[in-house]
Amino acid sequence: QLYVRNAPSAVFKADKELRGFAKVPVRAGG
């Protein structure tokens, strides 16, 4: 999961927001 933590700001924003994700199969040890 890829989150982006927002830069310090005078505007109301969430601390971090989900911007993308990717599922990947990986063999044991690989």
mmCIF file of all heavy atoms, coordinates in Angstrom:
data_MODEL
# 
_entry.id   MODEL 
# 
loop_
_atom_site.group_PDB 
_atom_site.id 
_atom_site.type_symbol 
_atom_site.label_atom_id 
_atom_site.label_alt_id 
_atom_site.label_comp_id 
_atom_site.label_asym_id 
_atom_site.label_entity_id 
_atom_site.label_seq_id 
_atom_site.pdbx_PDB_ins_code 
_atom_site.Cartn_x 
_atom_site.Cartn_y 
_atom_site.Cartn_z 
_atom_site.occupancy 
_atom_site.B_iso_or_equiv 
_atom_site.pdbx_formal_charge 
_atom_site.auth_seq_id 
_atom_site.auth_comp_id 
_atom_site.auth_asym_id 
_atom_site.auth_atom_id 
_atom_site.pdbx_PDB_model_num 
ATOM 1   N N   . GLN A 1 1  ? 0.844   -1.196  0.000  1.00 0.00 ? 1  GLN A N   1 
ATOM 2   C CA  . GLN A 1 1  ? 0.000   0.000   0.000  1.00 0.00 ? 1  GLN A CA  1 
ATOM 3   C C   . GLN A 1 1  ? 0.877   1.243   0.000  1.00 0.00 ? 1  GLN A C   1 
ATOM 4   O O   . GLN A 1 1  ? 1.867   1.305   0.734  1.00 0.00 ? 1  GLN A O   1 
ATOM 5   C CB  . GLN A 1 1  ? -0.923  -0.008  1.217  1.00 0.00 ? 1  GLN A CB  1 
ATOM 6   C CG  . GLN A 1 1  ? -1.817  -1.236  1.280  1.00 0.00 ? 1  GLN A CG  1 
ATOM 7   C CD  . GLN A 1 1  ? -2.605  -1.312  2.561  1.00 0.00 ? 1  GLN A CD  1 
ATOM 8   O OE1 . GLN A 1 1  ? -2.923  -0.294  3.168  1.00 0.00 ? 1  GLN A OE1 1 
ATOM 9   N NE2 . GLN A 1 1  ? -2.928  -2.530  2.984  1.00 0.00 ? 1  GLN A NE2 1 
ATOM 10  N N   . LEU A 1 2  ? 0.508   2.211   -0.816 1.00 0.00 ? 2  LEU A N   1 
ATOM 11  C CA  . LEU A 1 2  ? 1.266   3.454   -0.920 1.00 0.00 ? 2  LEU A CA  1 
ATOM 12  C C   . LEU A 1 2  ? 0.421   4.601   -0.353 1.00 0.00 ? 2  LEU A C   1 
ATOM 13  O O   . LEU A 1 2  ? -0.643  4.923   -0.890 1.00 0.00 ? 2  LEU A O   1 
ATOM 14  C CB  . LEU A 1 2  ? 1.651   3.738   -2.372 1.00 0.00 ? 2  LEU A CB  1 
ATOM 15  C CG  . LEU A 1 2  ? 2.628   4.886   -2.629 1.00 0.00 ? 2  LEU A CG  1 
ATOM 16  C CD1 . LEU A 1 2  ? 3.289   4.722   -3.999 1.00 0.00 ? 2  LEU A CD1 1 
ATOM 17  C CD2 . LEU A 1 2  ? 1.948   6.269   -2.587 1.00 0.00 ? 2  LEU A CD2 1 
ATOM 18  N N   . TYR A 1 3  ? 0.885   5.175   0.732  1.00 0.00 ? 3  TYR A N   1 
ATOM 19  C CA  . TYR A 1 3  ? 0.248   6.339   1.333  1.00 0.00 ? 3  TYR A CA  1 
ATOM 20  C C   . TYR A 1 3  ? 1.140   7.549   1.116  1.00 0.00 ? 3  TYR A C   1 
ATOM 21  O O   . TYR A 1 3  ? 2.368   7.424   1.017  1.00 0.00 ? 3  TYR A O   1 
ATOM 22  C CB  . TYR A 1 3  ? 0.033   6.140   2.833  1.00 0.00 ? 3  TYR A CB  1 
ATOM 23  C CG  . TYR A 1 3  ? -0.922  5.021   3.172  1.00 0.00 ? 3  TYR A CG  1 
ATOM 24  C CD1 . TYR A 1 3  ? -0.465  3.712   3.292  1.00 0.00 ? 3  TYR A CD1 1 
ATOM 25  C CD2 . TYR A 1 3  ? -2.277  5.263   3.369  1.00 0.00 ? 3  TYR A CD2 1 
ATOM 26  C CE1 . TYR A 1 3  ? -1.342  2.673   3.597  1.00 0.00 ? 3  TYR A CE1 1 
ATOM 27  C CE2 . TYR A 1 3  ? -3.155  4.241   3.676  1.00 0.00 ? 3  TYR A CE2 1 
ATOM 28  C CZ  . TYR A 1 3  ? -2.677  2.944   3.790  1.00 0.00 ? 3  TYR A CZ  1 
ATOM 29  O OH  . TYR A 1 3  ? -3.554  1.926   4.086  1.00 0.00 ? 3  TYR A OH  1 
ATOM 30  N N   . VAL A 1 4  ? 0.521   8.711   1.042  1.00 0.00 ? 4  VAL A N   1 
ATOM 31  C CA  . VAL A 1 4  ? 1.279   9.956   0.975  1.00 0.00 ? 4  VAL A CA  1 
ATOM 32  C C   . VAL A 1 4  ? 0.951   10.765  2.226  1.00 0.00 ? 4  VAL A C   1 
ATOM 33  O O   . VAL A 1 4  ? -0.218  11.100  2.469  1.00 0.00 ? 4  VAL A O   1 
ATOM 34  C CB  . VAL A 1 4  ? 0.950   10.759  -0.286 1.00 0.00 ? 4  VAL A CB  1 
ATOM 35  C CG1 . VAL A 1 4  ? 1.692   12.099  -0.266 1.00 0.00 ? 4  VAL A CG1 1 
ATOM 36  C CG2 . VAL A 1 4  ? 1.332   9.973   -1.539 1.00 0.00 ? 4  VAL A CG2 1 
ATOM 37  N N   . ARG A 1 5  ? 1.989   11.035  3.014  1.00 0.00 ? 5  ARG A N   1 
ATOM 38  C CA  . ARG A 1 5  ? 1.815   11.921  4.171  1.00 0.00 ? 5  ARG A CA  1 
ATOM 39  C C   . ARG A 1 5  ? 1.905   13.360  3.678  1.00 0.00 ? 5  ARG A C   1 
ATOM 40  O O   . ARG A 1 5  ? 2.867   13.741  3.011  1.00 0.00 ? 5  ARG A O   1 
ATOM 41  C CB  . ARG A 1 5  ? 2.874   11.626  5.228  1.00 0.00 ? 5  ARG A CB  1 
ATOM 42  C CG  . ARG A 1 5  ? 2.787   12.563  6.428  1.00 0.00 ? 5  ARG A CG  1 
ATOM 43  C CD  . ARG A 1 5  ? 3.679   12.116  7.573  1.00 0.00 ? 5  ARG A CD  1 
ATOM 44  N NE  . ARG A 1 5  ? 3.012   11.069  8.351  1.00 0.00 ? 5  ARG A NE  1 
ATOM 45  C CZ  . ARG A 1 5  ? 3.460   9.832   8.494  1.00 0.00 ? 5  ARG A CZ  1 
ATOM 46  N NH1 . ARG A 1 5  ? 4.594   9.463   7.901  1.00 0.00 ? 5  ARG A NH1 1 
ATOM 47  N NH2 . ARG A 1 5  ? 2.812   8.940   9.226  1.00 0.00 ? 5  ARG A NH2 1 
ATOM 48  N N   . ASN A 1 6  ? 0.887   14.135  3.972  1.00 0.00 ? 6  ASN A N   1 
ATOM 49  C CA  . ASN A 1 6  ? 0.817   15.494  3.451  1.00 0.00 ? 6  ASN A CA  1 
ATOM 50  C C   . ASN A 1 6  ? 1.880   16.394  4.072  1.00 0.00 ? 6  ASN A C   1 
ATOM 51  O O   . ASN A 1 6  ? 2.295   16.208  5.225  1.00 0.00 ? 6  ASN A O   1 
ATOM 52  C CB  . ASN A 1 6  ? -0.570  16.085  3.720  1.00 0.00 ? 6  ASN A CB  1 
ATOM 53  C CG  . ASN A 1 6  ? -1.612  15.534  2.769  1.00 0.00 ? 6  ASN A CG  1 
ATOM 54  O OD1 . ASN A 1 6  ? -1.494  15.687  1.561  1.00 0.00 ? 6  ASN A OD1 1 
ATOM 55  N ND2 . ASN A 1 6  ? -2.628  14.872  3.304  1.00 0.00 ? 6  ASN A ND2 1 
ATOM 56  N N   . ALA A 1 7  ? 2.332   17.368  3.287  1.00 0.00 ? 7  ALA A N   1 
ATOM 57  C CA  . ALA A 1 7  ? 3.286   18.346  3.774  1.00 0.00 ? 7  ALA A CA  1 
ATOM 58  C C   . ALA A 1 7  ? 2.616   19.210  4.843  1.00 0.00 ? 7  ALA A C   1 
ATOM 59  O O   . ALA A 1 7  ? 1.390   19.380  4.843  1.00 0.00 ? 7  ALA A O   1 
ATOM 60  C CB  . ALA A 1 7  ? 3.777   19.214  2.612  1.00 0.00 ? 7  ALA A CB  1 
ATOM 61  N N   . PRO A 1 8  ? 3.393   19.761  5.773  1.00 0.00 ? 8  PRO A N   1 
ATOM 62  C CA  . PRO A 1 8  ? 2.811   20.689  6.752  1.00 0.00 ? 8  PRO A CA  1 
ATOM 63  C C   . PRO A 1 8  ? 2.060   21.800  6.041  1.00 0.00 ? 8  PRO A C   1 
ATOM 64  O O   . PRO A 1 8  ? 2.545   22.384  5.068  1.00 0.00 ? 8  PRO A O   1 
ATOM 65  C CB  . PRO A 1 8  ? 4.043   21.233  7.498  1.00 0.00 ? 8  PRO A CB  1 
ATOM 66  C CG  . PRO A 1 8  ? 5.070   20.150  7.353  1.00 0.00 ? 8  PRO A CG  1 
ATOM 67  C CD  . PRO A 1 8  ? 4.834   19.560  5.981  1.00 0.00 ? 8  PRO A CD  1 
ATOM 68  N N   . SER A 1 9  ? 0.856   22.090  6.510  1.00 0.00 ? 9  SER A N   1 
ATOM 69  C CA  . SER A 1 9  ? -0.013  23.005  5.772  1.00 0.00 ? 9  SER A CA  1 
ATOM 70  C C   . SER A 1 9  ? -0.945  23.729  6.721  1.00 0.00 ? 9  SER A C   1 
ATOM 71  O O   . SER A 1 9  ? -1.265  23.242  7.814  1.00 0.00 ? 9  SER A O   1 
ATOM 72  C CB  . SER A 1 9  ? -0.834  22.217  4.740  1.00 0.00 ? 9  SER A CB  1 
ATOM 73  O OG  . SER A 1 9  ? -1.792  23.032  4.105  1.00 0.00 ? 9  SER A OG  1 
ATOM 74  N N   . ALA A 1 10 ? -1.399  24.911  6.292  1.00 0.00 ? 10 ALA A N   1 
ATOM 75  C CA  . ALA A 1 10 ? -2.408  25.650  7.029  1.00 0.00 ? 10 ALA A CA  1 
ATOM 76  C C   . ALA A 1 10 ? -3.814  25.188  6.672  1.00 0.00 ? 10 ALA A C   1 
ATOM 77  O O   . ALA A 1 10 ? -4.796  25.646  7.259  1.00 0.00 ? 10 ALA A O   1 
ATOM 78  C CB  . ALA A 1 10 ? -2.264  27.146  6.756  1.00 0.00 ? 10 ALA A CB  1 
ATOM 79  N N   . VAL A 1 11 ? -3.911  24.276  5.704  1.00 0.00 ? 11 VAL A N   1 
ATOM 80  C CA  . VAL A 1 11 ? -5.210  23.774  5.235  1.00 0.00 ? 11 VAL A CA  1 
ATOM 81  C C   . VAL A 1 11 ? -5.532  22.458  5.946  1.00 0.00 ? 11 VAL A C   1 
ATOM 82  O O   . VAL A 1 11 ? -4.638  21.655  6.214  1.00 0.00 ? 11 VAL A O   1 
ATOM 83  C CB  . VAL A 1 11 ? -5.178  23.560  3.711  1.00 0.00 ? 11 VAL A CB  1 
ATOM 84  C CG1 . VAL A 1 11 ? -6.518  23.055  3.198  1.00 0.00 ? 11 VAL A CG1 1 
ATOM 85  C CG2 . VAL A 1 11 ? -4.805  24.865  3.016  1.00 0.00 ? 11 VAL A CG2 1 
ATOM 86  N N   . PHE A 1 12 ? -6.818  22.230  6.246  1.00 0.00 ? 12 PHE A N   1 
ATOM 87  C CA  . PHE A 1 12 ? -7.227  20.972  6.877  1.00 0.00 ? 12 PHE A CA  1 
ATOM 88  C C   . PHE A 1 12 ? -6.944  19.810  5.922  1.00 0.00 ? 12 PHE A C   1 
ATOM 89  O O   . PHE A 1 12 ? -7.478  19.759  4.815  1.00 0.00 ? 12 PHE A O   1 
ATOM 90  C CB  . PHE A 1 12 ? -8.728  20.980  7.184  1.00 0.00 ? 12 PHE A CB  1 
ATOM 91  C CG  . PHE A 1 12 ? -9.147  22.022  8.188  1.00 0.00 ? 12 PHE A CG  1 
ATOM 92  C CD1 . PHE A 1 12 ? -10.473 22.376  8.309  1.00 0.00 ? 12 PHE A CD1 1 
ATOM 93  C CD2 . PHE A 1 12 ? -8.226  22.636  9.009  1.00 0.00 ? 12 PHE A CD2 1 
ATOM 94  C CE1 . PHE A 1 12 ? -10.877 23.329  9.238  1.00 0.00 ? 12 PHE A CE1 1 
ATOM 95  C CE2 . PHE A 1 12 ? -8.610  23.589  9.931  1.00 0.00 ? 12 PHE A CE2 1 
ATOM 96  C CZ  . PHE A 1 12 ? -9.944  23.940  10.047 1.00 0.00 ? 12 PHE A CZ  1 
ATOM 97  N N   . LYS A 1 13 ? -6.108  18.875  6.353  1.00 0.00 ? 13 LYS A N   1 
ATOM 98  C CA  . LYS A 1 13 ? -5.817  17.695  5.543  1.00 0.00 ? 13 LYS A CA  1 
ATOM 99  C C   . LYS A 1 13 ? -5.627  16.492  6.459  1.00 0.00 ? 13 LYS A C   1 
ATOM 100 O O   . LYS A 1 13 ? -5.282  16.643  7.635  1.00 0.00 ? 13 LYS A O   1 
ATOM 101 C CB  . LYS A 1 13 ? -4.532  17.882  4.722  1.00 0.00 ? 13 LYS A CB  1 
ATOM 102 C CG  . LYS A 1 13 ? -4.605  18.945  3.624  1.00 0.00 ? 13 LYS A CG  1 
ATOM 103 C CD  . LYS A 1 13 ? -3.289  18.991  2.872  1.00 0.00 ? 13 LYS A CD  1 
ATOM 104 C CE  . LYS A 1 13 ? -3.302  20.048  1.778  1.00 0.00 ? 13 LYS A CE  1 
ATOM 105 N NZ  . LYS A 1 13 ? -2.015  20.103  1.044  1.00 0.00 ? 13 LYS A NZ  1 
ATOM 106 N N   . ALA A 1 14 ? -5.823  15.300  5.884  1.00 0.00 ? 14 ALA A N   1 
ATOM 107 C CA  . ALA A 1 14 ? -5.507  14.084  6.628  1.00 0.00 ? 14 ALA A CA  1 
ATOM 108 C C   . ALA A 1 14 ? -3.998  13.972  6.798  1.00 0.00 ? 14 ALA A C   1 
ATOM 109 O O   . ALA A 1 14 ? -3.227  14.525  6.016  1.00 0.00 ? 14 ALA A O   1 
ATOM 110 C CB  . ALA A 1 14 ? -6.055  12.858  5.896  1.00 0.00 ? 14 ALA A CB  1 
ATOM 111 N N   . ASP A 1 15 ? -3.571  13.226  7.828  1.00 0.00 ? 15 ASP A N   1 
ATOM 112 C CA  . ASP A 1 15 ? -2.135  13.015  8.031  1.00 0.00 ? 15 ASP A CA  1 
ATOM 113 C C   . ASP A 1 15 ? -1.536  12.321  6.819  1.00 0.00 ? 15 ASP A C   1 
ATOM 114 O O   . ASP A 1 15 ? -0.516  12.764  6.281  1.00 0.00 ? 15 ASP A O   1 
ATOM 115 C CB  . ASP A 1 15 ? -1.906  12.182  9.291  1.00 0.00 ? 15 ASP A CB  1 
ATOM 116 C CG  . ASP A 1 15 ? -0.443  11.810  9.470  1.00 0.00 ? 15 ASP A CG  1 
ATOM 117 O OD1 . ASP A 1 15 ? 0.391   12.736  9.523  1.00 0.00 ? 15 ASP A OD1 1 
ATOM 118 O OD2 . ASP A 1 15 ? -0.136  10.608  9.539  1.00 0.00 ? 15 ASP A OD2 1 
ATOM 119 N N   . LYS A 1 16 ? -2.147  11.219  6.378  1.00 0.00 ? 16 LYS A N   1 
ATOM 120 C CA  . LYS A 1 16 ? -1.701  10.533  5.163  1.00 0.00 ? 16 LYS A CA  1 
ATOM 121 C C   . LYS A 1 16 ? -2.911  9.911   4.488  1.00 0.00 ? 16 LYS A C   1 
ATOM 122 O O   . LYS A 1 16 ? -3.898  9.569   5.131  1.00 0.00 ? 16 LYS A O   1 
ATOM 123 C CB  . LYS A 1 16 ? -0.625  9.484   5.472  1.00 0.00 ? 16 LYS A CB  1 
ATOM 124 C CG  . LYS A 1 16 ? -0.996  8.415   6.469  1.00 0.00 ? 16 LYS A CG  1 
ATOM 125 C CD  . LYS A 1 16 ? 0.195   7.471   6.666  1.00 0.00 ? 16 LYS A CD  1 
ATOM 126 C CE  . LYS A 1 16 ? -0.086  6.378   7.681  1.00 0.00 ? 16 LYS A CE  1 
ATOM 127 N NZ  . LYS A 1 16 ? -0.186  6.874   9.058  1.00 0.00 ? 16 LYS A NZ  1 
ATOM 128 N N   . GLU A 1 17 ? -2.793  9.741   3.160  1.00 0.00 ? 17 GLU A N   1 
ATOM 129 C CA  . GLU A 1 17 ? -3.907  9.250   2.354  1.00 0.00 ? 17 GLU A CA  1 
ATOM 130 C C   . GLU A 1 17 ? -3.418  8.172   1.394  1.00 0.00 ? 17 GLU A C   1 
ATOM 131 O O   . GLU A 1 17 ? -2.321  8.262   0.850  1.00 0.00 ? 17 GLU A O   1 
ATOM 132 C CB  . GLU A 1 17 ? -4.536  10.405  1.569  1.00 0.00 ? 17 GLU A CB  1 
ATOM 133 C CG  . GLU A 1 17 ? -5.099  11.508  2.468  1.00 0.00 ? 17 GLU A CG  1 
ATOM 134 C CD  . GLU A 1 17 ? -5.587  12.700  1.661  1.00 0.00 ? 17 GLU A CD  1 
ATOM 135 O OE1 . GLU A 1 17 ? -6.737  12.658  1.186  1.00 0.00 ? 17 GLU A OE1 1 
ATOM 136 O OE2 . GLU A 1 17 ? -4.807  13.661  1.492  1.00 0.00 ? 17 GLU A OE2 1 
ATOM 137 N N   . LEU A 1 18 ? -4.265  7.157   1.181  1.00 0.00 ? 18 LEU A N   1 
ATOM 138 C CA  . LEU A 1 18 ? -3.930  6.072   0.259  1.00 0.00 ? 18 LEU A CA  1 
ATOM 139 C C   . LEU A 1 18 ? -3.951  6.589   -1.177 1.00 0.00 ? 18 LEU A C   1 
ATOM 140 O O   . LEU A 1 18 ? -4.934  7.182   -1.616 1.00 0.00 ? 18 LEU A O   1 
ATOM 141 C CB  . LEU A 1 18 ? -4.931  4.921   0.417  1.00 0.00 ? 18 LEU A CB  1 
ATOM 142 C CG  . LEU A 1 18 ? -4.687  3.693   -0.454 1.00 0.00 ? 18 LEU A CG  1 
ATOM 143 C CD1 . LEU A 1 18 ? -3.424  2.972   -0.013 1.00 0.00 ? 18 LEU A CD1 1 
ATOM 144 C CD2 . LEU A 1 18 ? -5.887  2.752   -0.389 1.00 0.00 ? 18 LEU A CD2 1 
ATOM 145 N N   . ARG A 1 19 ? -2.855  6.355   -1.923 1.00 0.00 ? 19 ARG A N   1 
ATOM 146 C CA  . ARG A 1 19 ? -2.756  6.825   -3.300 1.00 0.00 ? 19 ARG A CA  1 
ATOM 147 C C   . ARG A 1 19 ? -2.549  5.690   -4.293 1.00 0.00 ? 19 ARG A C   1 
ATOM 148 O O   . ARG A 1 19 ? -2.559  5.928   -5.493 1.00 0.00 ? 19 ARG A O   1 
ATOM 149 C CB  . ARG A 1 19 ? -1.602  7.822   -3.430 1.00 0.00 ? 19 ARG A CB  1 
ATOM 150 C CG  . ARG A 1 19 ? -1.814  9.112   -2.657 1.00 0.00 ? 19 ARG A CG  1 
ATOM 151 C CD  . ARG A 1 19 ? -3.063  9.829   -3.100 1.00 0.00 ? 19 ARG A CD  1 
ATOM 152 N NE  . ARG A 1 19 ? -3.304  11.042  -2.329 1.00 0.00 ? 19 ARG A NE  1 
ATOM 153 C CZ  . ARG A 1 19 ? -4.435  11.725  -2.374 1.00 0.00 ? 19 ARG A CZ  1 
ATOM 154 N NH1 . ARG A 1 19 ? -5.430  11.302  -3.143 1.00 0.00 ? 19 ARG A NH1 1 
ATOM 155 N NH2 . ARG A 1 19 ? -4.580  12.815  -1.662 1.00 0.00 ? 19 ARG A NH2 1 
ATOM 156 N N   . GLY A 1 20 ? -2.341  4.468   -3.826 1.00 0.00 ? 20 GLY A N   1 
ATOM 157 C CA  . GLY A 1 20 ? -2.169  3.349   -4.741 1.00 0.00 ? 20 GLY A CA  1 
ATOM 158 C C   . GLY A 1 20 ? -1.811  2.092   -3.979 1.00 0.00 ? 20 GLY A C   1 
ATOM 159 O O   . GLY A 1 20 ? -1.439  2.137   -2.806 1.00 0.00 ? 20 GLY A O   1 
ATOM 160 N N   . PHE A 1 21 ? -1.928  0.954   -4.665 1.00 0.00 ? 21 PHE A N   1 
ATOM 161 C CA  . PHE A 1 21 ? -1.537  -0.318  -4.062 1.00 0.00 ? 21 PHE A CA  1 
ATOM 162 C C   . PHE A 1 21 ? -1.288  -1.325  -5.181 1.00 0.00 ? 21 PHE A C   1 
ATOM 163 O O   . PHE A 1 21 ? -1.741  -1.145  -6.313 1.00 0.00 ? 21 PHE A O   1 
ATOM 164 C CB  . PHE A 1 21 ? -2.601  -0.843  -3.091 1.00 0.00 ? 21 PHE A CB  1 
ATOM 165 C CG  . PHE A 1 21 ? -3.950  -1.077  -3.705 1.00 0.00 ? 21 PHE A CG  1 
ATOM 166 C CD1 . PHE A 1 21 ? -4.289  -2.305  -4.258 1.00 0.00 ? 21 PHE A CD1 1 
ATOM 167 C CD2 . PHE A 1 21 ? -4.893  -0.055  -3.749 1.00 0.00 ? 21 PHE A CD2 1 
ATOM 168 C CE1 . PHE A 1 21 ? -5.530  -2.514  -4.836 1.00 0.00 ? 21 PHE A CE1 1 
ATOM 169 C CE2 . PHE A 1 21 ? -6.135  -0.250  -4.318 1.00 0.00 ? 21 PHE A CE2 1 
ATOM 170 C CZ  . PHE A 1 21 ? -6.457  -1.484  -4.865 1.00 0.00 ? 21 PHE A CZ  1 
ATOM 171 N N   . ALA A 1 22 ? -0.575  -2.382  -4.847 1.00 0.00 ? 22 ALA A N   1 
ATOM 172 C CA  . ALA A 1 22 ? -0.286  -3.433  -5.826 1.00 0.00 ? 22 ALA A CA  1 
ATOM 173 C C   . ALA A 1 22 ? -0.093  -4.745  -5.077 1.00 0.00 ? 22 ALA A C   1 
ATOM 174 O O   . ALA A 1 22 ? 0.588   -4.795  -4.052 1.00 0.00 ? 22 ALA A O   1 
ATOM 175 C CB  . ALA A 1 22 ? 0.962   -3.097  -6.633 1.00 0.00 ? 22 ALA A CB  1 
ATOM 176 N N   . LYS A 1 23 ? -0.705  -5.809  -5.610 1.00 0.00 ? 23 LYS A N   1 
ATOM 177 C CA  . LYS A 1 23 ? -0.552  -7.149  -5.027 1.00 0.00 ? 23 LYS A CA  1 
ATOM 178 C C   . LYS A 1 23 ? 0.411   -7.949  -5.894 1.00 0.00 ? 23 LYS A C   1 
ATOM 179 O O   . LYS A 1 23 ? 0.260   -7.997  -7.112 1.00 0.00 ? 23 LYS A O   1 
ATOM 180 C CB  . LYS A 1 23 ? -1.905  -7.851  -4.943 1.00 0.00 ? 23 LYS A CB  1 
ATOM 181 C CG  . LYS A 1 23 ? -1.844  -9.204  -4.246 1.00 0.00 ? 23 LYS A CG  1 
ATOM 182 C CD  . LYS A 1 23 ? -3.237  -9.789  -4.085 1.00 0.00 ? 23 LYS A CD  1 
ATOM 183 C CE  . LYS A 1 23 ? -3.203  -11.114 -3.339 1.00 0.00 ? 23 LYS A CE  1 
ATOM 184 N NZ  . LYS A 1 23 ? -4.564  -11.681 -3.149 1.00 0.00 ? 23 LYS A NZ  1 
ATOM 185 N N   . VAL A 1 24 ? 1.386   -8.577  -5.247 1.00 0.00 ? 24 VAL A N   1 
ATOM 186 C CA  . VAL A 1 24 ? 2.412   -9.295  -5.989 1.00 0.00 ? 24 VAL A CA  1 
ATOM 187 C C   . VAL A 1 24 ? 2.646   -10.664 -5.353 1.00 0.00 ? 24 VAL A C   1 
ATOM 188 O O   . VAL A 1 24 ? 2.833   -10.767 -4.143 1.00 0.00 ? 24 VAL A O   1 
ATOM 189 C CB  . VAL A 1 24 ? 3.729   -8.486  -6.029 1.00 0.00 ? 24 VAL A CB  1 
ATOM 190 C CG1 . VAL A 1 24 ? 4.213   -8.146  -4.638 1.00 0.00 ? 24 VAL A CG1 1 
ATOM 191 C CG2 . VAL A 1 24 ? 4.802   -9.227  -6.803 1.00 0.00 ? 24 VAL A CG2 1 
ATOM 192 N N   . PRO A 1 25 ? 2.619   -11.756 -6.158 1.00 0.00 ? 25 PRO A N   1 
ATOM 193 C CA  . PRO A 1 25 ? 2.978   -13.077 -5.628 1.00 0.00 ? 25 PRO A CA  1 
ATOM 194 C C   . PRO A 1 25 ? 4.502   -13.219 -5.585 1.00 0.00 ? 25 PRO A C   1 
ATOM 195 O O   . PRO A 1 25 ? 5.203   -12.808 -6.519 1.00 0.00 ? 25 PRO A O   1 
ATOM 196 C CB  . PRO A 1 25 ? 2.359   -14.041 -6.634 1.00 0.00 ? 25 PRO A CB  1 
ATOM 197 C CG  . PRO A 1 25 ? 2.299   -13.264 -7.911 1.00 0.00 ? 25 PRO A CG  1 
ATOM 198 C CD  . PRO A 1 25 ? 2.129   -11.816 -7.548 1.00 0.00 ? 25 PRO A CD  1 
ATOM 199 N N   . VAL A 1 26 ? 5.004   -13.807 -4.500 1.00 0.00 ? 26 VAL A N   1 
ATOM 200 C CA  . VAL A 1 26 ? 6.450   -13.975 -4.333 1.00 0.00 ? 26 VAL A CA  1 
ATOM 201 C C   . VAL A 1 26 ? 6.717   -15.378 -3.791 1.00 0.00 ? 26 VAL A C   1 
ATOM 202 O O   . VAL A 1 26 ? 6.148   -15.774 -2.768 1.00 0.00 ? 26 VAL A O   1 
ATOM 203 C CB  . VAL A 1 26 ? 7.036   -12.923 -3.359 1.00 0.00 ? 26 VAL A CB  1 
ATOM 204 C CG1 . VAL A 1 26 ? 8.566   -12.994 -3.370 1.00 0.00 ? 26 VAL A CG1 1 
ATOM 205 C CG2 . VAL A 1 26 ? 6.571   -11.521 -3.702 1.00 0.00 ? 26 VAL A CG2 1 
ATOM 206 N N   . ARG A 1 27 ? 7.571   -16.119 -4.468 1.00 0.00 ? 27 ARG A N   1 
ATOM 207 C CA  . ARG A 1 27 ? 7.936   -17.452 -3.998 1.00 0.00 ? 27 ARG A CA  1 
ATOM 208 C C   . ARG A 1 27 ? 8.791   -17.366 -2.732 1.00 0.00 ? 27 ARG A C   1 
ATOM 209 O O   . ARG A 1 27 ? 9.466   -16.365 -2.490 1.00 0.00 ? 27 ARG A O   1 
ATOM 210 C CB  . ARG A 1 27 ? 8.700   -18.209 -5.083 1.00 0.00 ? 27 ARG A CB  1 
ATOM 211 C CG  . ARG A 1 27 ? 7.847   -18.598 -6.278 1.00 0.00 ? 27 ARG A CG  1 
ATOM 212 C CD  . ARG A 1 27 ? 8.614   -19.515 -7.228 1.00 0.00 ? 27 ARG A CD  1 
ATOM 213 N NE  . ARG A 1 27 ? 7.758   -19.985 -8.304 1.00 0.00 ? 27 ARG A NE  1 
ATOM 214 C CZ  . ARG A 1 27 ? 6.944   -21.044 -8.202 1.00 0.00 ? 27 ARG A CZ  1 
ATOM 215 N NH1 . ARG A 1 27 ? 6.905   -21.720 -7.057 1.00 0.00 ? 27 ARG A NH1 1 
ATOM 216 N NH2 . ARG A 1 27 ? 6.205   -21.423 -9.217 1.00 0.00 ? 27 ARG A NH2 1 
ATOM 217 N N   . ALA A 1 28 ? 8.756   -18.422 -1.928 1.00 0.00 ? 28 ALA A N   1 
ATOM 218 C CA  . ALA A 1 28 ? 9.550   -18.457 -0.703 1.00 0.00 ? 28 ALA A CA  1 
ATOM 219 C C   . ALA A 1 28 ? 11.030  -18.235 -1.019 1.00 0.00 ? 28 ALA A C   1 
ATOM 220 O O   . ALA A 1 28 ? 11.591  -18.873 -1.915 1.00 0.00 ? 28 ALA A O   1 
ATOM 221 C CB  . ALA A 1 28 ? 9.358   -19.802 -0.001 1.00 0.00 ? 28 ALA A CB  1 
ATOM 222 N N   . GLY A 1 29 ? 11.617  -17.273 -0.324 1.00 0.00 ? 29 GLY A N   1 
ATOM 223 C CA  . GLY A 1 29 ? 13.020  -16.957 -0.546 1.00 0.00 ? 29 GLY A CA  1 
ATOM 224 C C   . GLY A 1 29 ? 13.288  -16.077 -1.742 1.00 0.00 ? 29 GLY A C   1 
ATOM 225 O O   . GLY A 1 29 ? 14.435  -15.643 -1.951 1.00 0.00 ? 29 GLY A O   1 
ATOM 226 N N   . GLY A 1 30 ? 12.273  -15.797 -2.546 1.00 0.00 ? 30 GLY A N   1 
ATOM 227 C CA  . GLY A 1 30 ? 12.442  -14.986 -3.747 1.00 0.00 ? 30 GLY A CA  1 
ATOM 228 C C   . GLY A 1 30 ? 12.087  -13.536 -3.525 1.00 0.00 ? 30 GLY A C   1 
ATOM 229 O O   . GLY A 1 30 ? 11.721  -13.111 -2.424 1.00 0.00 ? 30 GLY A O   1 
# 
